[in-house]
Amino acid sequence: MDIGASDRELVAVMRRYFAAKVELEILKAQLETARQAAGEAIDIFYDPRRNVDHAGDLHRSHRLKGEMVSLMQRAEAWGREELAADRVETSAAEEEPSDRIGAMPFAGA
């Protein structure tokens, strides 16, 4: 299997995506445990302006979500490019046989 630079970039993007996902899941679990222990309402606890004690973690969770969206958009763009390249290759391969058929002499002539 030949892995090009584009494929290695996709692998790196997806590794970072899943690392961010795990980090976010851990952070969310910690925040929810802290919220339940504090007995705070969801809308108050998860508002960084009202919950200064956890504001840093709340901002970090928002950054992680944004990073995951960005990484998935990069992966989707890569996939669209690969599909477009496959279509071009398929179209070219489909045109070749018809070119050869057109070059053959007509049997009924």
N, C-alpha and C. Protein backbone atom coordinates (compact mmCIF):
# COMPACT_ATOMS: atom_id res chain seq x y z
N MET A 1 0.84 -1.17 0.00
CA MET A 1 0.00 0.00 0.00
C MET A 1 0.89 1.24 0.00
N ASP A 2 0.63 2.11 -0.96
CA ASP A 2 1.41 3.33 -1.09
C ASP A 2 0.68 4.46 -0.35
N ILE A 3 1.34 5.01 0.65
CA ILE A 3 0.73 6.10 1.41
C ILE A 3 1.44 7.39 1.05
N GLY A 4 0.66 8.32 0.48
CA GLY A 4 1.22 9.60 0.08
C GLY A 4 1.14 10.62 1.19
N ALA A 5 1.66 11.80 0.92
CA ALA A 5 1.67 12.89 1.90
C ALA A 5 0.25 13.28 2.28
N SER A 6 -0.67 13.28 1.32
CA SER A 6 -2.05 13.63 1.59
C SER A 6 -2.69 12.62 2.55
N ASP A 7 -2.39 11.35 2.35
CA ASP A 7 -2.93 10.31 3.23
C ASP A 7 -2.36 10.44 4.64
N ARG A 8 -1.08 10.75 4.73
CA ARG A 8 -0.46 10.93 6.06
C ARG A 8 -1.07 12.13 6.77
N GLU A 9 -1.38 13.18 6.02
CA GLU A 9 -2.01 14.35 6.62
C GLU A 9 -3.39 14.00 7.15
N LEU A 10 -4.15 13.22 6.38
CA LEU A 10 -5.47 12.79 6.83
C LEU A 10 -5.36 11.96 8.10
N VAL A 11 -4.41 11.06 8.16
CA VAL A 11 -4.22 10.24 9.35
C VAL A 11 -3.90 11.13 10.55
N ALA A 12 -3.04 12.12 10.35
CA ALA A 12 -2.69 13.03 11.44
C ALA A 12 -3.90 13.83 11.89
N VAL A 13 -4.72 14.29 10.95
CA VAL A 13 -5.93 15.04 11.28
C VAL A 13 -6.88 14.16 12.08
N MET A 14 -7.08 12.93 11.65
CA MET A 14 -8.01 12.06 12.35
C MET A 14 -7.47 11.64 13.73
N ARG A 15 -6.18 11.46 13.85
CA ARG A 15 -5.60 11.17 15.17
C ARG A 15 -5.87 12.32 16.13
N ARG A 16 -5.65 13.55 15.66
CA ARG A 16 -5.89 14.71 16.51
C ARG A 16 -7.37 14.83 16.84
N TYR A 17 -8.24 14.54 15.87
CA TYR A 17 -9.68 14.60 16.11
C TYR A 17 -10.07 13.65 17.25
N PHE A 18 -9.60 12.41 17.18
CA PHE A 18 -9.98 11.44 18.21
C PHE A 18 -9.31 11.74 19.54
N ALA A 19 -8.12 12.31 19.54
CA ALA A 19 -7.48 12.72 20.79
C ALA A 19 -8.29 13.85 21.44
N ALA A 20 -8.73 14.81 20.62
CA ALA A 20 -9.55 15.91 21.14
C ALA A 20 -10.89 15.38 21.65
N LYS A 21 -11.45 14.40 20.96
CA LYS A 21 -12.72 13.81 21.38
C LYS A 21 -12.59 13.15 22.74
N VAL A 22 -11.53 12.39 22.94
CA VAL A 22 -11.31 11.73 24.23
C VAL A 22 -11.09 12.78 25.32
N GLU A 23 -10.29 13.79 25.01
CA GLU A 23 -10.03 14.86 25.97
C GLU A 23 -11.33 15.56 26.36
N LEU A 24 -12.18 15.82 25.37
CA LEU A 24 -13.45 16.49 25.62
C LEU A 24 -14.38 15.60 26.47
N GLU A 25 -14.43 14.32 26.17
CA GLU A 25 -15.28 13.41 26.94
C GLU A 25 -14.85 13.36 28.41
N ILE A 26 -13.55 13.33 28.65
CA ILE A 26 -13.03 13.32 30.02
C ILE A 26 -13.38 14.62 30.71
N LEU A 27 -13.17 15.73 30.02
CA LEU A 27 -13.46 17.05 30.58
C LEU A 27 -14.95 17.19 30.91
N LYS A 28 -15.81 16.75 29.99
CA LYS A 28 -17.25 16.82 30.21
C LYS A 28 -17.66 15.99 31.42
N ALA A 29 -17.08 14.82 31.57
CA ALA A 29 -17.40 13.96 32.72
C ALA A 29 -16.97 14.64 34.02
N GLN A 30 -15.77 15.24 34.02
CA GLN A 30 -15.29 15.94 35.21
C GLN A 30 -16.19 17.13 35.55
N LEU A 31 -16.57 17.89 34.54
CA LEU A 31 -17.44 19.04 34.77
C LEU A 31 -18.81 18.61 35.30
N GLU A 32 -19.35 17.56 34.73
CA GLU A 32 -20.68 17.10 35.17
C GLU A 32 -20.61 16.56 36.60
N THR A 33 -19.53 15.89 36.94
CA THR A 33 -19.36 15.42 38.32
C THR A 33 -19.29 16.60 39.27
N ALA A 34 -18.54 17.63 38.88
CA ALA A 34 -18.43 18.83 39.71
C ALA A 34 -19.77 19.54 39.83
N ARG A 35 -20.53 19.58 38.74
CA ARG A 35 -21.85 20.23 38.76
C ARG A 35 -22.79 19.51 39.72
N GLN A 36 -22.80 18.19 39.62
CA GLN A 36 -23.68 17.42 40.49
C GLN A 36 -23.28 17.55 41.95
N ALA A 37 -21.97 17.55 42.21
CA ALA A 37 -21.48 17.70 43.59
C ALA A 37 -21.84 19.07 44.14
N ALA A 38 -21.84 20.09 43.30
CA ALA A 38 -22.18 21.44 43.73
C ALA A 38 -23.69 21.65 43.81
N GLY A 39 -24.44 20.76 43.18
CA GLY A 39 -25.89 20.90 43.17
C GLY A 39 -26.37 22.07 42.36
N GLU A 40 -25.58 22.49 41.39
CA GLU A 40 -25.91 23.65 40.55
C GLU A 40 -26.84 23.25 39.40
N ALA A 41 -27.65 24.21 38.99
CA ALA A 41 -28.47 24.02 37.80
C ALA A 41 -27.56 24.04 36.57
N ILE A 42 -27.96 23.31 35.54
CA ILE A 42 -27.15 23.20 34.32
C ILE A 42 -26.84 24.57 33.72
N ASP A 43 -27.87 25.42 33.57
CA ASP A 43 -27.66 26.71 32.90
C ASP A 43 -26.74 27.64 33.69
N ILE A 44 -26.71 27.50 34.98
CA ILE A 44 -25.82 28.33 35.80
C ILE A 44 -24.41 27.76 35.79
N PHE A 45 -24.28 26.47 36.00
CA PHE A 45 -22.95 25.85 36.08
C PHE A 45 -22.18 25.98 34.77
N TYR A 46 -22.83 25.77 33.64
CA TYR A 46 -22.14 25.77 32.35
C TYR A 46 -22.00 27.15 31.72
N ASP A 47 -22.35 28.18 32.44
CA ASP A 47 -22.15 29.55 31.98
C ASP A 47 -20.84 30.07 32.58
N PRO A 48 -19.80 30.23 31.75
CA PRO A 48 -18.49 30.64 32.29
C PRO A 48 -18.51 32.01 32.97
N ARG A 49 -19.47 32.84 32.63
CA ARG A 49 -19.57 34.16 33.29
C ARG A 49 -20.11 34.02 34.71
N ARG A 50 -20.89 33.00 34.94
CA ARG A 50 -21.50 32.80 36.26
C ARG A 50 -20.75 31.77 37.10
N ASN A 51 -19.89 30.98 36.46
CA ASN A 51 -19.15 29.94 37.16
C ASN A 51 -17.66 30.16 36.95
N VAL A 52 -17.12 31.13 37.68
CA VAL A 52 -15.72 31.50 37.51
C VAL A 52 -14.77 30.38 37.90
N ASP A 53 -15.17 29.55 38.83
CA ASP A 53 -14.30 28.45 39.28
C ASP A 53 -13.99 27.47 38.15
N HIS A 54 -14.93 27.28 37.25
CA HIS A 54 -14.75 26.31 36.16
C HIS A 54 -14.71 26.97 34.78
N ALA A 55 -14.60 28.28 34.76
CA ALA A 55 -14.63 29.01 33.49
C ALA A 55 -13.53 28.54 32.53
N GLY A 56 -12.35 28.30 33.04
CA GLY A 56 -11.25 27.84 32.18
C GLY A 56 -11.58 26.52 31.51
N ASP A 57 -12.12 25.58 32.28
CA ASP A 57 -12.49 24.28 31.71
C ASP A 57 -13.66 24.41 30.73
N LEU A 58 -14.59 25.29 31.03
CA LEU A 58 -15.71 25.50 30.12
C LEU A 58 -15.24 26.08 28.79
N HIS A 59 -14.33 27.04 28.86
CA HIS A 59 -13.76 27.61 27.63
C HIS A 59 -12.96 26.55 26.87
N ARG A 60 -12.23 25.73 27.61
CA ARG A 60 -11.45 24.66 26.97
C ARG A 60 -12.38 23.68 26.25
N SER A 61 -13.52 23.36 26.86
CA SER A 61 -14.45 22.44 26.20
C SER A 61 -14.99 23.05 24.90
N HIS A 62 -15.25 24.34 24.91
CA HIS A 62 -15.72 25.02 23.68
C HIS A 62 -14.62 25.02 22.62
N ARG A 63 -13.38 25.25 23.03
CA ARG A 63 -12.26 25.22 22.07
C ARG A 63 -12.10 23.83 21.46
N LEU A 64 -12.22 22.80 22.30
CA LEU A 64 -12.09 21.43 21.80
C LEU A 64 -13.20 21.11 20.80
N LYS A 65 -14.43 21.52 21.09
CA LYS A 65 -15.53 21.29 20.16
C LYS A 65 -15.26 22.00 18.83
N GLY A 66 -14.79 23.23 18.89
CA GLY A 66 -14.47 23.97 17.68
C GLY A 66 -13.34 23.32 16.89
N GLU A 67 -12.34 22.84 17.61
CA GLU A 67 -11.23 22.14 16.94
C GLU A 67 -11.73 20.88 16.26
N MET A 68 -12.60 20.14 16.91
CA MET A 68 -13.13 18.92 16.32
C MET A 68 -13.92 19.22 15.05
N VAL A 69 -14.71 20.28 15.07
CA VAL A 69 -15.47 20.67 13.87
C VAL A 69 -14.50 21.01 12.74
N SER A 70 -13.47 21.79 13.05
CA SER A 70 -12.49 22.18 12.05
C SER A 70 -11.75 20.97 11.46
N LEU A 71 -11.36 20.05 12.34
CA LEU A 71 -10.65 18.86 11.88
C LEU A 71 -11.55 17.99 11.00
N MET A 72 -12.82 17.86 11.37
CA MET A 72 -13.72 17.05 10.56
C MET A 72 -13.97 17.72 9.21
N GLN A 73 -14.02 19.04 9.18
CA GLN A 73 -14.17 19.74 7.90
C GLN A 73 -12.97 19.49 7.00
N ARG A 74 -11.78 19.47 7.59
CA ARG A 74 -10.57 19.16 6.79
C ARG A 74 -10.64 17.74 6.24
N ALA A 75 -11.08 16.80 7.07
CA ALA A 75 -11.19 15.41 6.62
C ALA A 75 -12.24 15.28 5.52
N GLU A 76 -13.36 15.98 5.66
CA GLU A 76 -14.40 15.95 4.64
C GLU A 76 -13.89 16.56 3.33
N ALA A 77 -13.13 17.64 3.42
CA ALA A 77 -12.57 18.26 2.22
C ALA A 77 -11.62 17.29 1.52
N TRP A 78 -10.82 16.58 2.30
CA TRP A 78 -9.91 15.58 1.75
C TRP A 78 -10.73 14.51 1.03
N GLY A 79 -11.81 14.07 1.66
CA GLY A 79 -12.65 13.04 1.05
C GLY A 79 -13.27 13.51 -0.25
N ARG A 80 -13.73 14.76 -0.27
CA ARG A 80 -14.31 15.31 -1.51
C ARG A 80 -13.26 15.36 -2.61
N GLU A 81 -12.04 15.75 -2.27
CA GLU A 81 -10.96 15.80 -3.26
C GLU A 81 -10.66 14.41 -3.80
N GLU A 82 -10.64 13.42 -2.91
CA GLU A 82 -10.39 12.04 -3.35
C GLU A 82 -11.50 11.55 -4.26
N LEU A 83 -12.75 11.85 -3.92
CA LEU A 83 -13.88 11.45 -4.77
C LEU A 83 -13.80 12.11 -6.14
N ALA A 84 -13.45 13.39 -6.15
CA ALA A 84 -13.33 14.10 -7.43
C ALA A 84 -12.22 13.49 -8.28
N ALA A 85 -11.10 13.16 -7.64
CA ALA A 85 -9.99 12.54 -8.37
C ALA A 85 -10.39 11.17 -8.90
N ASP A 86 -11.14 10.40 -8.10
CA ASP A 86 -11.61 9.09 -8.55
C ASP A 86 -12.55 9.22 -9.74
N ARG A 87 -13.41 10.24 -9.71
CA ARG A 87 -14.34 10.45 -10.83
C ARG A 87 -13.59 10.78 -12.11
N VAL A 88 -12.55 11.60 -11.98
CA VAL A 88 -11.76 11.96 -13.16
C VAL A 88 -11.07 10.72 -13.72
N GLU A 89 -10.50 9.90 -12.82
CA GLU A 89 -9.83 8.67 -13.27
C GLU A 89 -10.82 7.71 -13.91
N THR A 90 -12.01 7.57 -13.31
CA THR A 90 -13.04 6.68 -13.85
C THR A 90 -13.51 7.17 -15.21
N SER A 91 -13.72 8.48 -15.34
CA SER A 91 -14.15 9.04 -16.63
C SER A 91 -13.10 8.80 -17.70
N ALA A 92 -11.85 9.00 -17.33
CA ALA A 92 -10.76 8.79 -18.29
C ALA A 92 -10.69 7.32 -18.70
N ALA A 93 -10.86 6.42 -17.74
CA ALA A 93 -10.80 4.99 -18.05
C ALA A 93 -11.98 4.57 -18.92
N GLU A 94 -13.13 5.16 -18.71
CA GLU A 94 -14.31 4.82 -19.50
C GLU A 94 -14.19 5.37 -20.93
N GLU A 95 -13.50 6.46 -21.12
CA GLU A 95 -13.36 7.05 -22.45
C GLU A 95 -12.36 6.29 -23.30
N GLU A 96 -11.35 5.70 -22.68
CA GLU A 96 -10.32 4.99 -23.44
C GLU A 96 -10.89 3.88 -24.31
N PRO A 97 -11.73 2.97 -23.78
CA PRO A 97 -12.23 1.89 -24.64
C PRO A 97 -13.05 2.42 -25.81
N SER A 98 -13.83 3.45 -25.61
CA SER A 98 -14.63 3.97 -26.72
C SER A 98 -13.74 4.58 -27.79
N ASP A 99 -12.60 5.15 -27.40
CA ASP A 99 -11.67 5.69 -28.39
C ASP A 99 -11.10 4.56 -29.24
N ARG A 100 -10.81 3.44 -28.59
CA ARG A 100 -10.26 2.31 -29.35
C ARG A 100 -11.32 1.71 -30.25
N ILE A 101 -12.55 1.67 -29.81
CA ILE A 101 -13.62 1.11 -30.63
C ILE A 101 -13.81 1.98 -31.87
N GLY A 102 -13.76 3.29 -31.69
CA GLY A 102 -13.91 4.20 -32.82
C GLY A 102 -12.80 4.06 -33.84
N ALA A 103 -11.63 3.59 -33.40
CA ALA A 103 -10.49 3.45 -34.30
C ALA A 103 -10.54 2.13 -35.06
N MET A 104 -11.40 1.19 -34.61
CA MET A 104 -11.49 -0.09 -35.29
C MET A 104 -12.24 0.06 -36.61
N PRO A 105 -11.82 -0.68 -37.60
CA PRO A 105 -12.56 -0.63 -38.87
C PRO A 105 -13.93 -1.28 -38.69
N PHE A 106 -14.90 -0.76 -39.39
CA PHE A 106 -16.24 -1.29 -39.31
C PHE A 106 -16.29 -2.62 -40.05
N ALA A 107 -16.78 -3.65 -39.39
CA ALA A 107 -16.78 -5.01 -39.96
C ALA A 107 -17.70 -5.13 -41.16
N GLY A 108 -18.76 -4.35 -41.23
CA GLY A 108 -19.71 -4.46 -42.33
C GLY A 108 -19.29 -3.69 -43.56
N ALA A 109 -18.16 -2.98 -43.55
CA ALA A 109 -17.80 -2.13 -44.69
C ALA A 109 -17.15 -2.86 -45.79
